[in-house]
mmCIF file of all heavy atoms, coordinates in Angstrom:
data_MODEL
# 
_entry.id   MODEL 
# 
loop_
_atom_site.group_PDB 
_atom_site.id 
_atom_site.type_symbol 
_atom_site.label_atom_id 
_atom_site.label_alt_id 
_atom_site.label_comp_id 
_atom_site.label_asym_id 
_atom_site.label_entity_id 
_atom_site.label_seq_id 
_atom_site.pdbx_PDB_ins_code 
_atom_site.Cartn_x 
_atom_site.Cartn_y 
_atom_site.Cartn_z 
_atom_site.occupancy 
_atom_site.B_iso_or_equiv 
_atom_site.pdbx_formal_charge 
_atom_site.auth_seq_id 
_atom_site.auth_comp_id 
_atom_site.auth_asym_id 
_atom_site.auth_atom_id 
_atom_site.pdbx_PDB_model_num 
ATOM 1   N N   . VAL A 1 1  ? -30.852 22.731 -11.837 1.00 0.00 ? 1  VAL A N   1 
ATOM 2   C CA  . VAL A 1 1  ? -30.415 23.414 -10.618 1.00 0.00 ? 1  VAL A CA  1 
ATOM 3   C C   . VAL A 1 1  ? -28.895 23.595 -10.628 1.00 0.00 ? 1  VAL A C   1 
ATOM 4   O O   . VAL A 1 1  ? -28.373 24.675 -10.308 1.00 0.00 ? 1  VAL A O   1 
ATOM 5   C CB  . VAL A 1 1  ? -30.862 22.632 -9.362  1.00 0.00 ? 1  VAL A CB  1 
ATOM 6   C CG1 . VAL A 1 1  ? -30.189 23.195 -8.111  1.00 0.00 ? 1  VAL A CG1 1 
ATOM 7   C CG2 . VAL A 1 1  ? -32.381 22.695 -9.211  1.00 0.00 ? 1  VAL A CG2 1 
ATOM 8   N N   . VAL A 1 2  ? -28.174 22.549 -10.998 1.00 0.00 ? 2  VAL A N   1 
ATOM 9   C CA  . VAL A 1 2  ? -26.706 22.618 -11.031 1.00 0.00 ? 2  VAL A CA  1 
ATOM 10  C C   . VAL A 1 2  ? -26.238 23.703 -11.996 1.00 0.00 ? 2  VAL A C   1 
ATOM 11  O O   . VAL A 1 2  ? -25.341 24.501 -11.671 1.00 0.00 ? 2  VAL A O   1 
ATOM 12  C CB  . VAL A 1 2  ? -26.110 21.253 -11.435 1.00 0.00 ? 2  VAL A CB  1 
ATOM 13  C CG1 . VAL A 1 2  ? -24.598 21.372 -11.666 1.00 0.00 ? 2  VAL A CG1 1 
ATOM 14  C CG2 . VAL A 1 2  ? -26.387 20.200 -10.358 1.00 0.00 ? 2  VAL A CG2 1 
ATOM 15  N N   . GLU A 1 3  ? -26.853 23.769 -13.175 1.00 0.00 ? 3  GLU A N   1 
ATOM 16  C CA  . GLU A 1 3  ? -26.443 24.768 -14.163 1.00 0.00 ? 3  GLU A CA  1 
ATOM 17  C C   . GLU A 1 3  ? -26.785 26.185 -13.717 1.00 0.00 ? 3  GLU A C   1 
ATOM 18  O O   . GLU A 1 3  ? -26.037 27.130 -13.998 1.00 0.00 ? 3  GLU A O   1 
ATOM 19  C CB  . GLU A 1 3  ? -27.092 24.464 -15.514 1.00 0.00 ? 3  GLU A CB  1 
ATOM 20  C CG  . GLU A 1 3  ? -26.555 23.214 -16.198 1.00 0.00 ? 3  GLU A CG  1 
ATOM 21  C CD  . GLU A 1 3  ? -25.068 23.302 -16.510 1.00 0.00 ? 3  GLU A CD  1 
ATOM 22  O OE1 . GLU A 1 3  ? -24.559 24.420 -16.773 1.00 0.00 ? 3  GLU A OE1 1 
ATOM 23  O OE2 . GLU A 1 3  ? -24.396 22.252 -16.486 1.00 0.00 ? 3  GLU A OE2 1 
ATOM 24  N N   . GLN A 1 4  ? -27.883 26.351 -13.001 1.00 0.00 ? 4  GLN A N   1 
ATOM 25  C CA  . GLN A 1 4  ? -28.222 27.685 -12.495 1.00 0.00 ? 4  GLN A CA  1 
ATOM 26  C C   . GLN A 1 4  ? -27.232 28.107 -11.403 1.00 0.00 ? 4  GLN A C   1 
ATOM 27  O O   . GLN A 1 4  ? -26.891 29.290 -11.285 1.00 0.00 ? 4  GLN A O   1 
ATOM 28  C CB  . GLN A 1 4  ? -29.665 27.730 -11.977 1.00 0.00 ? 4  GLN A CB  1 
ATOM 29  C CG  . GLN A 1 4  ? -30.719 27.297 -12.981 1.00 0.00 ? 4  GLN A CG  1 
ATOM 30  C CD  . GLN A 1 4  ? -30.477 27.815 -14.386 1.00 0.00 ? 4  GLN A CD  1 
ATOM 31  O OE1 . GLN A 1 4  ? -30.205 29.007 -14.601 1.00 0.00 ? 4  GLN A OE1 1 
ATOM 32  N NE2 . GLN A 1 4  ? -30.562 26.925 -15.366 1.00 0.00 ? 4  GLN A NE2 1 
ATOM 33  N N   . CYS A 1 5  ? -26.772 27.146 -10.625 1.00 0.00 ? 5  CYS A N   1 
ATOM 34  C CA  . CYS A 1 5  ? -25.721 27.458 -9.644  1.00 0.00 ? 5  CYS A CA  1 
ATOM 35  C C   . CYS A 1 5  ? -24.459 27.929 -10.358 1.00 0.00 ? 5  CYS A C   1 
ATOM 36  O O   . CYS A 1 5  ? -23.802 28.887 -9.927  1.00 0.00 ? 5  CYS A O   1 
ATOM 37  C CB  . CYS A 1 5  ? -25.423 26.229 -8.788  1.00 0.00 ? 5  CYS A CB  1 
ATOM 38  S SG  . CYS A 1 5  ? -26.725 25.785 -7.615  1.00 0.00 ? 5  CYS A SG  1 
ATOM 39  N N   . ARG A 1 6  ? -24.116 27.264 -11.437 1.00 0.00 ? 6  ARG A N   1 
ATOM 40  C CA  . ARG A 1 6  ? -22.965 27.684 -12.228 1.00 0.00 ? 6  ARG A CA  1 
ATOM 41  C C   . ARG A 1 6  ? -23.151 29.106 -12.743 1.00 0.00 ? 6  ARG A C   1 
ATOM 42  O O   . ARG A 1 6  ? -22.217 29.911 -12.741 1.00 0.00 ? 6  ARG A O   1 
ATOM 43  C CB  . ARG A 1 6  ? -22.748 26.736 -13.411 1.00 0.00 ? 6  ARG A CB  1 
ATOM 44  C CG  . ARG A 1 6  ? -22.139 25.398 -13.053 1.00 0.00 ? 6  ARG A CG  1 
ATOM 45  C CD  . ARG A 1 6  ? -21.943 24.543 -14.302 1.00 0.00 ? 6  ARG A CD  1 
ATOM 46  N NE  . ARG A 1 6  ? -21.203 23.336 -14.000 1.00 0.00 ? 6  ARG A NE  1 
ATOM 47  C CZ  . ARG A 1 6  ? -19.873 23.245 -14.005 1.00 0.00 ? 6  ARG A CZ  1 
ATOM 48  N NH1 . ARG A 1 6  ? -19.153 24.317 -14.301 1.00 0.00 ? 6  ARG A NH1 1 
ATOM 49  N NH2 . ARG A 1 6  ? -19.269 22.114 -13.711 1.00 0.00 ? 6  ARG A NH2 1 
ATOM 50  N N   . ASN A 1 7  ? -24.351 29.405 -13.204 1.00 0.00 ? 7  ASN A N   1 
ATOM 51  C CA  . ASN A 1 7  ? -24.624 30.746 -13.729 1.00 0.00 ? 7  ASN A CA  1 
ATOM 52  C C   . ASN A 1 7  ? -24.451 31.813 -12.661 1.00 0.00 ? 7  ASN A C   1 
ATOM 53  O O   . ASN A 1 7  ? -23.987 32.925 -12.937 1.00 0.00 ? 7  ASN A O   1 
ATOM 54  C CB  . ASN A 1 7  ? -26.036 30.807 -14.317 1.00 0.00 ? 7  ASN A CB  1 
ATOM 55  C CG  . ASN A 1 7  ? -26.159 30.029 -15.619 1.00 0.00 ? 7  ASN A CG  1 
ATOM 56  O OD1 . ASN A 1 7  ? -25.149 29.731 -16.269 1.00 0.00 ? 7  ASN A OD1 1 
ATOM 57  N ND2 . ASN A 1 7  ? -27.381 29.697 -16.000 1.00 0.00 ? 7  ASN A ND2 1 
ATOM 58  N N   . ILE A 1 8  ? -24.814 31.493 -11.437 1.00 0.00 ? 8  ILE A N   1 
ATOM 59  C CA  . ILE A 1 8  ? -24.636 32.438 -10.334 1.00 0.00 ? 8  ILE A CA  1 
ATOM 60  C C   . ILE A 1 8  ? -23.147 32.637 -10.039 1.00 0.00 ? 8  ILE A C   1 
ATOM 61  O O   . ILE A 1 8  ? -22.681 33.761 -9.823  1.00 0.00 ? 8  ILE A O   1 
ATOM 62  C CB  . ILE A 1 8  ? -25.368 31.944 -9.068  1.00 0.00 ? 8  ILE A CB  1 
ATOM 63  C CG1 . ILE A 1 8  ? -26.880 31.980 -9.295  1.00 0.00 ? 8  ILE A CG1 1 
ATOM 64  C CG2 . ILE A 1 8  ? -24.997 32.801 -7.853  1.00 0.00 ? 8  ILE A CG2 1 
ATOM 65  C CD1 . ILE A 1 8  ? -27.680 31.329 -8.187  1.00 0.00 ? 8  ILE A CD1 1 
ATOM 66  N N   . ILE A 1 9  ? -22.404 31.533 -10.039 1.00 0.00 ? 9  ILE A N   1 
ATOM 67  C CA  . ILE A 1 9  ? -20.973 31.607 -9.742  1.00 0.00 ? 9  ILE A CA  1 
ATOM 68  C C   . ILE A 1 9  ? -20.227 32.384 -10.825 1.00 0.00 ? 9  ILE A C   1 
ATOM 69  O O   . ILE A 1 9  ? -19.164 32.968 -10.565 1.00 0.00 ? 9  ILE A O   1 
ATOM 70  C CB  . ILE A 1 9  ? -20.396 30.188 -9.551  1.00 0.00 ? 9  ILE A CB  1 
ATOM 71  C CG1 . ILE A 1 9  ? -21.076 29.508 -8.352  1.00 0.00 ? 9  ILE A CG1 1 
ATOM 72  C CG2 . ILE A 1 9  ? -18.889 30.217 -9.329  1.00 0.00 ? 9  ILE A CG2 1 
ATOM 73  C CD1 . ILE A 1 9  ? -20.764 28.025 -8.208  1.00 0.00 ? 9  ILE A CD1 1 
ATOM 74  N N   . LYS A 1 10 ? -20.776 32.441 -12.015 1.00 0.00 ? 10 LYS A N   1 
ATOM 75  C CA  . LYS A 1 10 ? -20.152 33.197 -13.105 1.00 0.00 ? 10 LYS A CA  1 
ATOM 76  C C   . LYS A 1 10 ? -20.287 34.712 -12.927 1.00 0.00 ? 10 LYS A C   1 
ATOM 77  O O   . LYS A 1 10 ? -19.594 35.464 -13.609 1.00 0.00 ? 10 LYS A O   1 
ATOM 78  C CB  . LYS A 1 10 ? -20.791 32.818 -14.446 1.00 0.00 ? 10 LYS A CB  1 
ATOM 79  C CG  . LYS A 1 10 ? -20.509 31.397 -14.912 1.00 0.00 ? 10 LYS A CG  1 
ATOM 80  C CD  . LYS A 1 10 ? -21.318 31.090 -16.167 1.00 0.00 ? 10 LYS A CD  1 
ATOM 81  C CE  . LYS A 1 10 ? -21.162 29.643 -16.602 1.00 0.00 ? 10 LYS A CE  1 
ATOM 82  N NZ  . LYS A 1 10 ? -22.026 29.343 -17.772 1.00 0.00 ? 10 LYS A NZ  1 
ATOM 83  N N   . THR A 1 11 ? -21.158 35.165 -12.032 1.00 0.00 ? 11 THR A N   1 
ATOM 84  C CA  . THR A 1 11 ? -21.416 36.597 -11.917 1.00 0.00 ? 11 THR A CA  1 
ATOM 85  C C   . THR A 1 11 ? -20.310 37.324 -11.156 1.00 0.00 ? 11 THR A C   1 
ATOM 86  O O   . THR A 1 11 ? -19.692 36.766 -10.240 1.00 0.00 ? 11 THR A O   1 
ATOM 87  C CB  . THR A 1 11 ? -22.764 36.868 -11.216 1.00 0.00 ? 11 THR A CB  1 
ATOM 88  O OG1 . THR A 1 11 ? -22.696 36.386 -9.869  1.00 0.00 ? 11 THR A OG1 1 
ATOM 89  C CG2 . THR A 1 11 ? -23.917 36.188 -11.953 1.00 0.00 ? 11 THR A CG2 1 
ATOM 90  N N   . ALA A 1 12 ? -20.099 38.579 -11.509 1.00 0.00 ? 12 ALA A N   1 
ATOM 91  C CA  . ALA A 1 12 ? -19.054 39.389 -10.872 1.00 0.00 ? 12 ALA A CA  1 
ATOM 92  C C   . ALA A 1 12 ? -19.303 39.621 -9.381  1.00 0.00 ? 12 ALA A C   1 
ATOM 93  O O   . ALA A 1 12 ? -18.363 39.514 -8.584  1.00 0.00 ? 12 ALA A O   1 
ATOM 94  C CB  . ALA A 1 12 ? -18.912 40.724 -11.606 1.00 0.00 ? 12 ALA A CB  1 
ATOM 95  N N   . PRO A 1 13 ? -20.530 39.945 -8.948  1.00 0.00 ? 13 PRO A N   1 
ATOM 96  C CA  . PRO A 1 13 ? -20.735 40.190 -7.512  1.00 0.00 ? 13 PRO A CA  1 
ATOM 97  C C   . PRO A 1 13 ? -20.333 38.998 -6.641  1.00 0.00 ? 13 PRO A C   1 
ATOM 98  O O   . PRO A 1 13 ? -19.710 39.168 -5.593  1.00 0.00 ? 13 PRO A O   1 
ATOM 99  C CB  . PRO A 1 13 ? -22.230 40.473 -7.397  1.00 0.00 ? 13 PRO A CB  1 
ATOM 100 C CG  . PRO A 1 13 ? -22.636 40.955 -8.745  1.00 0.00 ? 13 PRO A CG  1 
ATOM 101 C CD  . PRO A 1 13 ? -21.779 40.194 -9.708  1.00 0.00 ? 13 PRO A CD  1 
ATOM 102 N N   . VAL A 1 14 ? -20.687 37.793 -7.078  1.00 0.00 ? 14 VAL A N   1 
ATOM 103 C CA  . VAL A 1 14 ? -20.369 36.603 -6.292  1.00 0.00 ? 14 VAL A CA  1 
ATOM 104 C C   . VAL A 1 14 ? -18.867 36.352 -6.285  1.00 0.00 ? 14 VAL A C   1 
ATOM 105 O O   . VAL A 1 14 ? -18.266 36.104 -5.228  1.00 0.00 ? 14 VAL A O   1 
ATOM 106 C CB  . VAL A 1 14 ? -21.130 35.375 -6.840  1.00 0.00 ? 14 VAL A CB  1 
ATOM 107 C CG1 . VAL A 1 14 ? -20.631 34.088 -6.181  1.00 0.00 ? 14 VAL A CG1 1 
ATOM 108 C CG2 . VAL A 1 14 ? -22.628 35.539 -6.601  1.00 0.00 ? 14 VAL A CG2 1 
ATOM 109 N N   . GLN A 1 15 ? -18.238 36.418 -7.436  1.00 0.00 ? 15 GLN A N   1 
ATOM 110 C CA  . GLN A 1 15 ? -16.794 36.167 -7.511  1.00 0.00 ? 15 GLN A CA  1 
ATOM 111 C C   . GLN A 1 15 ? -15.990 37.182 -6.697  1.00 0.00 ? 15 GLN A C   1 
ATOM 112 O O   . GLN A 1 15 ? -15.079 36.821 -5.947  1.00 0.00 ? 15 GLN A O   1 
ATOM 113 C CB  . GLN A 1 15 ? -16.333 36.197 -8.970  1.00 0.00 ? 15 GLN A CB  1 
ATOM 114 C CG  . GLN A 1 15 ? -16.834 35.037 -9.805  1.00 0.00 ? 15 GLN A CG  1 
ATOM 115 C CD  . GLN A 1 15 ? -16.225 35.027 -11.194 1.00 0.00 ? 15 GLN A CD  1 
ATOM 116 O OE1 . GLN A 1 15 ? -15.087 35.454 -11.378 1.00 0.00 ? 15 GLN A OE1 1 
ATOM 117 N NE2 . GLN A 1 15 ? -16.967 34.527 -12.177 1.00 0.00 ? 15 GLN A NE2 1 
ATOM 118 N N   . LYS A 1 16 ? -16.334 38.445 -6.824  1.00 0.00 ? 16 LYS A N   1 
ATOM 119 C CA  . LYS A 1 16 ? -15.568 39.497 -6.139  1.00 0.00 ? 16 LYS A CA  1 
ATOM 120 C C   . LYS A 1 16 ? -15.776 39.446 -4.631  1.00 0.00 ? 16 LYS A C   1 
ATOM 121 O O   . LYS A 1 16 ? -14.835 39.618 -3.849  1.00 0.00 ? 16 LYS A O   1 
ATOM 122 C CB  . LYS A 1 16 ? -15.955 40.861 -6.707  1.00 0.00 ? 16 LYS A CB  1 
ATOM 123 C CG  . LYS A 1 16 ? -15.513 41.050 -8.156  1.00 0.00 ? 16 LYS A CG  1 
ATOM 124 C CD  . LYS A 1 16 ? -16.162 42.247 -8.809  1.00 0.00 ? 16 LYS A CD  1 
ATOM 125 C CE  . LYS A 1 16 ? -15.621 43.551 -8.269  1.00 0.00 ? 16 LYS A CE  1 
ATOM 126 N NZ  . LYS A 1 16 ? -16.165 44.709 -9.027  1.00 0.00 ? 16 LYS A NZ  1 
ATOM 127 N N   . CYS A 1 17 ? -17.024 39.207 -4.210  1.00 0.00 ? 17 CYS A N   1 
ATOM 128 C CA  . CYS A 1 17 ? -17.299 39.144 -2.775  1.00 0.00 ? 17 CYS A CA  1 
ATOM 129 C C   . CYS A 1 17 ? -16.612 37.938 -2.151  1.00 0.00 ? 17 CYS A C   1 
ATOM 130 O O   . CYS A 1 17 ? -16.029 38.033 -1.060  1.00 0.00 ? 17 CYS A O   1 
ATOM 131 C CB  . CYS A 1 17 ? -18.813 39.082 -2.532  1.00 0.00 ? 17 CYS A CB  1 
ATOM 132 S SG  . CYS A 1 17 ? -19.282 39.194 -0.794  1.00 0.00 ? 17 CYS A SG  1 
ATOM 133 N N   . TYR A 1 18 ? -16.644 36.805 -2.843  1.00 0.00 ? 18 TYR A N   1 
ATOM 134 C CA  . TYR A 1 18 ? -15.990 35.609 -2.287  1.00 0.00 ? 18 TYR A CA  1 
ATOM 135 C C   . TYR A 1 18 ? -14.482 35.795 -2.215  1.00 0.00 ? 18 TYR A C   1 
ATOM 136 O O   . TYR A 1 18 ? -13.840 35.364 -1.251  1.00 0.00 ? 18 TYR A O   1 
ATOM 137 C CB  . TYR A 1 18 ? -16.336 34.375 -3.114  1.00 0.00 ? 18 TYR A CB  1 
ATOM 138 C CG  . TYR A 1 18 ? -15.819 33.108 -2.484  1.00 0.00 ? 18 TYR A CG  1 
ATOM 139 C CD1 . TYR A 1 18 ? -16.505 32.521 -1.421  1.00 0.00 ? 18 TYR A CD1 1 
ATOM 140 C CD2 . TYR A 1 18 ? -14.641 32.516 -2.926  1.00 0.00 ? 18 TYR A CD2 1 
ATOM 141 C CE1 . TYR A 1 18 ? -16.016 31.377 -0.811  1.00 0.00 ? 18 TYR A CE1 1 
ATOM 142 C CE2 . TYR A 1 18 ? -14.149 31.368 -2.323  1.00 0.00 ? 18 TYR A CE2 1 
ATOM 143 C CZ  . TYR A 1 18 ? -14.840 30.809 -1.269  1.00 0.00 ? 18 TYR A CZ  1 
ATOM 144 O OH  . TYR A 1 18 ? -14.360 29.673 -0.659  1.00 0.00 ? 18 TYR A OH  1 
ATOM 145 N N   . ALA A 1 19 ? -13.895 36.444 -3.216  1.00 0.00 ? 19 ALA A N   1 
ATOM 146 C CA  . ALA A 1 19 ? -12.452 36.684 -3.211  1.00 0.00 ? 19 ALA A CA  1 
ATOM 147 C C   . ALA A 1 19 ? -12.033 37.548 -2.031  1.00 0.00 ? 19 ALA A C   1 
ATOM 148 O O   . ALA A 1 19 ? -10.971 37.357 -1.434  1.00 0.00 ? 19 ALA A O   1 
ATOM 149 C CB  . ALA A 1 19 ? -12.032 37.347 -4.523  1.00 0.00 ? 19 ALA A CB  1 
ATOM 150 N N   . GLU A 1 20 ? -12.914 38.462 -1.641  1.00 0.00 ? 20 GLU A N   1 
ATOM 151 C CA  . GLU A 1 20 ? -12.589 39.405 -0.569  1.00 0.00 ? 20 GLU A CA  1 
ATOM 152 C C   . GLU A 1 20 ? -12.998 38.900 0.812   1.00 0.00 ? 20 GLU A C   1 
ATOM 153 O O   . GLU A 1 20 ? -12.265 39.064 1.793   1.00 0.00 ? 20 GLU A O   1 
ATOM 154 C CB  . GLU A 1 20 ? -13.276 40.746 -0.845  1.00 0.00 ? 20 GLU A CB  1 
ATOM 155 C CG  . GLU A 1 20 ? -13.030 41.804 0.215   1.00 0.00 ? 20 GLU A CG  1 
ATOM 156 C CD  . GLU A 1 20 ? -13.802 43.084 -0.036  1.00 0.00 ? 20 GLU A CD  1 
ATOM 157 O OE1 . GLU A 1 20 ? -14.355 43.239 -1.139  1.00 0.00 ? 20 GLU A OE1 1 
ATOM 158 O OE2 . GLU A 1 20 ? -13.860 43.932 0.876   1.00 0.00 ? 20 GLU A OE2 1 
ATOM 159 N N   . LYS A 1 21 ? -14.198 38.261 0.891   1.00 0.00 ? 21 LYS A N   1 
ATOM 160 C CA  . LYS A 1 21 ? -14.768 37.945 2.203   1.00 0.00 ? 21 LYS A CA  1 
ATOM 161 C C   . LYS A 1 21 ? -15.004 36.453 2.452   1.00 0.00 ? 21 LYS A C   1 
ATOM 162 O O   . LYS A 1 21 ? -15.424 36.075 3.535   1.00 0.00 ? 21 LYS A O   1 
ATOM 163 C CB  . LYS A 1 21 ? -16.096 38.688 2.373   1.00 0.00 ? 21 LYS A CB  1 
ATOM 164 C CG  . LYS A 1 21 ? -15.967 40.199 2.196   1.00 0.00 ? 21 LYS A CG  1 
ATOM 165 C CD  . LYS A 1 21 ? -17.342 40.867 2.252   1.00 0.00 ? 21 LYS A CD  1 
ATOM 166 C CE  . LYS A 1 21 ? -17.211 42.368 2.037   1.00 0.00 ? 21 LYS A CE  1 
ATOM 167 N NZ  . LYS A 1 21 ? -18.529 43.060 2.023   1.00 0.00 ? 21 LYS A NZ  1 
ATOM 168 N N   . LYS A 1 22 ? -14.801 35.633 1.407   1.00 0.00 ? 22 LYS A N   1 
ATOM 169 C CA  . LYS A 1 22 ? -15.025 34.190 1.506   1.00 0.00 ? 22 LYS A CA  1 
ATOM 170 C C   . LYS A 1 22 ? -16.486 33.815 1.690   1.00 0.00 ? 22 LYS A C   1 
ATOM 171 O O   . LYS A 1 22 ? -16.824 32.745 2.228   1.00 0.00 ? 22 LYS A O   1 
ATOM 172 C CB  . LYS A 1 22 ? -14.172 33.568 2.627   1.00 0.00 ? 22 LYS A CB  1 
ATOM 173 C CG  . LYS A 1 22 ? -12.681 33.653 2.366   1.00 0.00 ? 22 LYS A CG  1 
ATOM 174 C CD  . LYS A 1 22 ? -12.318 32.971 1.044   1.00 0.00 ? 22 LYS A CD  1 
ATOM 175 C CE  . LYS A 1 22 ? -10.841 33.086 0.731   1.00 0.00 ? 22 LYS A CE  1 
ATOM 176 N NZ  . LYS A 1 22 ? -10.514 32.490 -0.593  1.00 0.00 ? 22 LYS A NZ  1 
ATOM 177 N N   . PHE A 1 23 ? -17.346 34.653 1.251   1.00 0.00 ? 23 PHE A N   1 
ATOM 178 C CA  . PHE A 1 23 ? -18.771 34.346 1.124   1.00 0.00 ? 23 PHE A CA  1 
ATOM 179 C C   . PHE A 1 23 ? -19.327 35.243 0.005   1.00 0.00 ? 23 PHE A C   1 
ATOM 180 O O   . PHE A 1 23 ? -18.672 36.238 -0.336  1.00 0.00 ? 23 PHE A O   1 
ATOM 181 C CB  . PHE A 1 23 ? -19.523 34.548 2.452   1.00 0.00 ? 23 PHE A CB  1 
ATOM 182 C CG  . PHE A 1 23 ? -19.572 35.979 2.952   1.00 0.00 ? 23 PHE A CG  1 
ATOM 183 C CD1 . PHE A 1 23 ? -20.494 36.897 2.447   1.00 0.00 ? 23 PHE A CD1 1 
ATOM 184 C CD2 . PHE A 1 23 ? -18.701 36.425 3.947   1.00 0.00 ? 23 PHE A CD2 1 
ATOM 185 C CE1 . PHE A 1 23 ? -20.535 38.217 2.914   1.00 0.00 ? 23 PHE A CE1 1 
ATOM 186 C CE2 . PHE A 1 23 ? -18.732 37.734 4.424   1.00 0.00 ? 23 PHE A CE2 1 
ATOM 187 C CZ  . PHE A 1 23 ? -19.655 38.619 3.898   1.00 0.00 ? 23 PHE A CZ  1 
ATOM 188 N N   . PRO A 1 24 ? -20.467 34.866 -0.573  1.00 0.00 ? 24 PRO A N   1 
ATOM 189 C CA  . PRO A 1 24 ? -21.396 33.775 -0.231  1.00 0.00 ? 24 PRO A CA  1 
ATOM 190 C C   . PRO A 1 24 ? -20.988 32.438 -0.858  1.00 0.00 ? 24 PRO A C   1 
ATOM 191 O O   . PRO A 1 24 ? -20.193 32.390 -1.777  1.00 0.00 ? 24 PRO A O   1 
ATOM 192 C CB  . PRO A 1 24 ? -22.707 34.259 -0.846  1.00 0.00 ? 24 PRO A CB  1 
ATOM 193 C CG  . PRO A 1 24 ? -22.272 34.988 -2.079  1.00 0.00 ? 24 PRO A CG  1 
ATOM 194 C CD  . PRO A 1 24 ? -20.994 35.690 -1.695  1.00 0.00 ? 24 PRO A CD  1 
ATOM 195 N N   . ILE A 1 25 ? -21.595 31.382 -0.312  1.00 0.00 ? 25 ILE A N   1 
ATOM 196 C CA  . ILE A 1 25 ? -21.473 30.038 -0.867  1.00 0.00 ? 25 ILE A CA  1 
ATOM 197 C C   . ILE A 1 25 ? -22.766 29.739 -1.626  1.00 0.00 ? 25 ILE A C   1 
ATOM 198 O O   . ILE A 1 25 ? -23.855 30.103 -1.174  1.00 0.00 ? 25 ILE A O   1 
ATOM 199 C CB  . ILE A 1 25 ? -21.273 28.987 0.248   1.00 0.00 ? 25 ILE A CB  1 
ATOM 200 C CG1 . ILE A 1 25 ? -20.023 29.327 1.065   1.00 0.00 ? 25 ILE A CG1 1 
ATOM 201 C CG2 . ILE A 1 25 ? -21.169 27.589 -0.340  1.00 0.00 ? 25 ILE A CG2 1 
ATOM 202 C CD1 . ILE A 1 25 ? -18.737 29.253 0.288   1.00 0.00 ? 25 ILE A CD1 1 
ATOM 203 N N   . VAL A 1 26 ? -22.633 29.066 -2.761  1.00 0.00 ? 26 VAL A N   1 
ATOM 204 C CA  . VAL A 1 26 ? -23.805 28.748 -3.588  1.00 0.00 ? 26 VAL A CA  1 
ATOM 205 C C   . VAL A 1 26 ? -24.186 27.281 -3.386  1.00 0.00 ? 26 VAL A C   1 
ATOM 206 O O   . VAL A 1 26 ? -23.323 26.388 -3.431  1.00 0.00 ? 26 VAL A O   1 
ATOM 207 C CB  . VAL A 1 26 ? -23.527 29.030 -5.075  1.00 0.00 ? 26 VAL A CB  1 
ATOM 208 C CG1 . VAL A 1 26 ? -24.745 28.661 -5.932  1.00 0.00 ? 26 VAL A CG1 1 
ATOM 209 C CG2 . VAL A 1 26 ? -23.163 30.501 -5.276  1.00 0.00 ? 26 VAL A CG2 1 
# 
């Protein structure tokens, strides 16, 4: 589960959205 969370955080949509809007949280 922890490694899959890491894999999600590595994705561009999550990184870019968090940088702009401070969400989503994984």
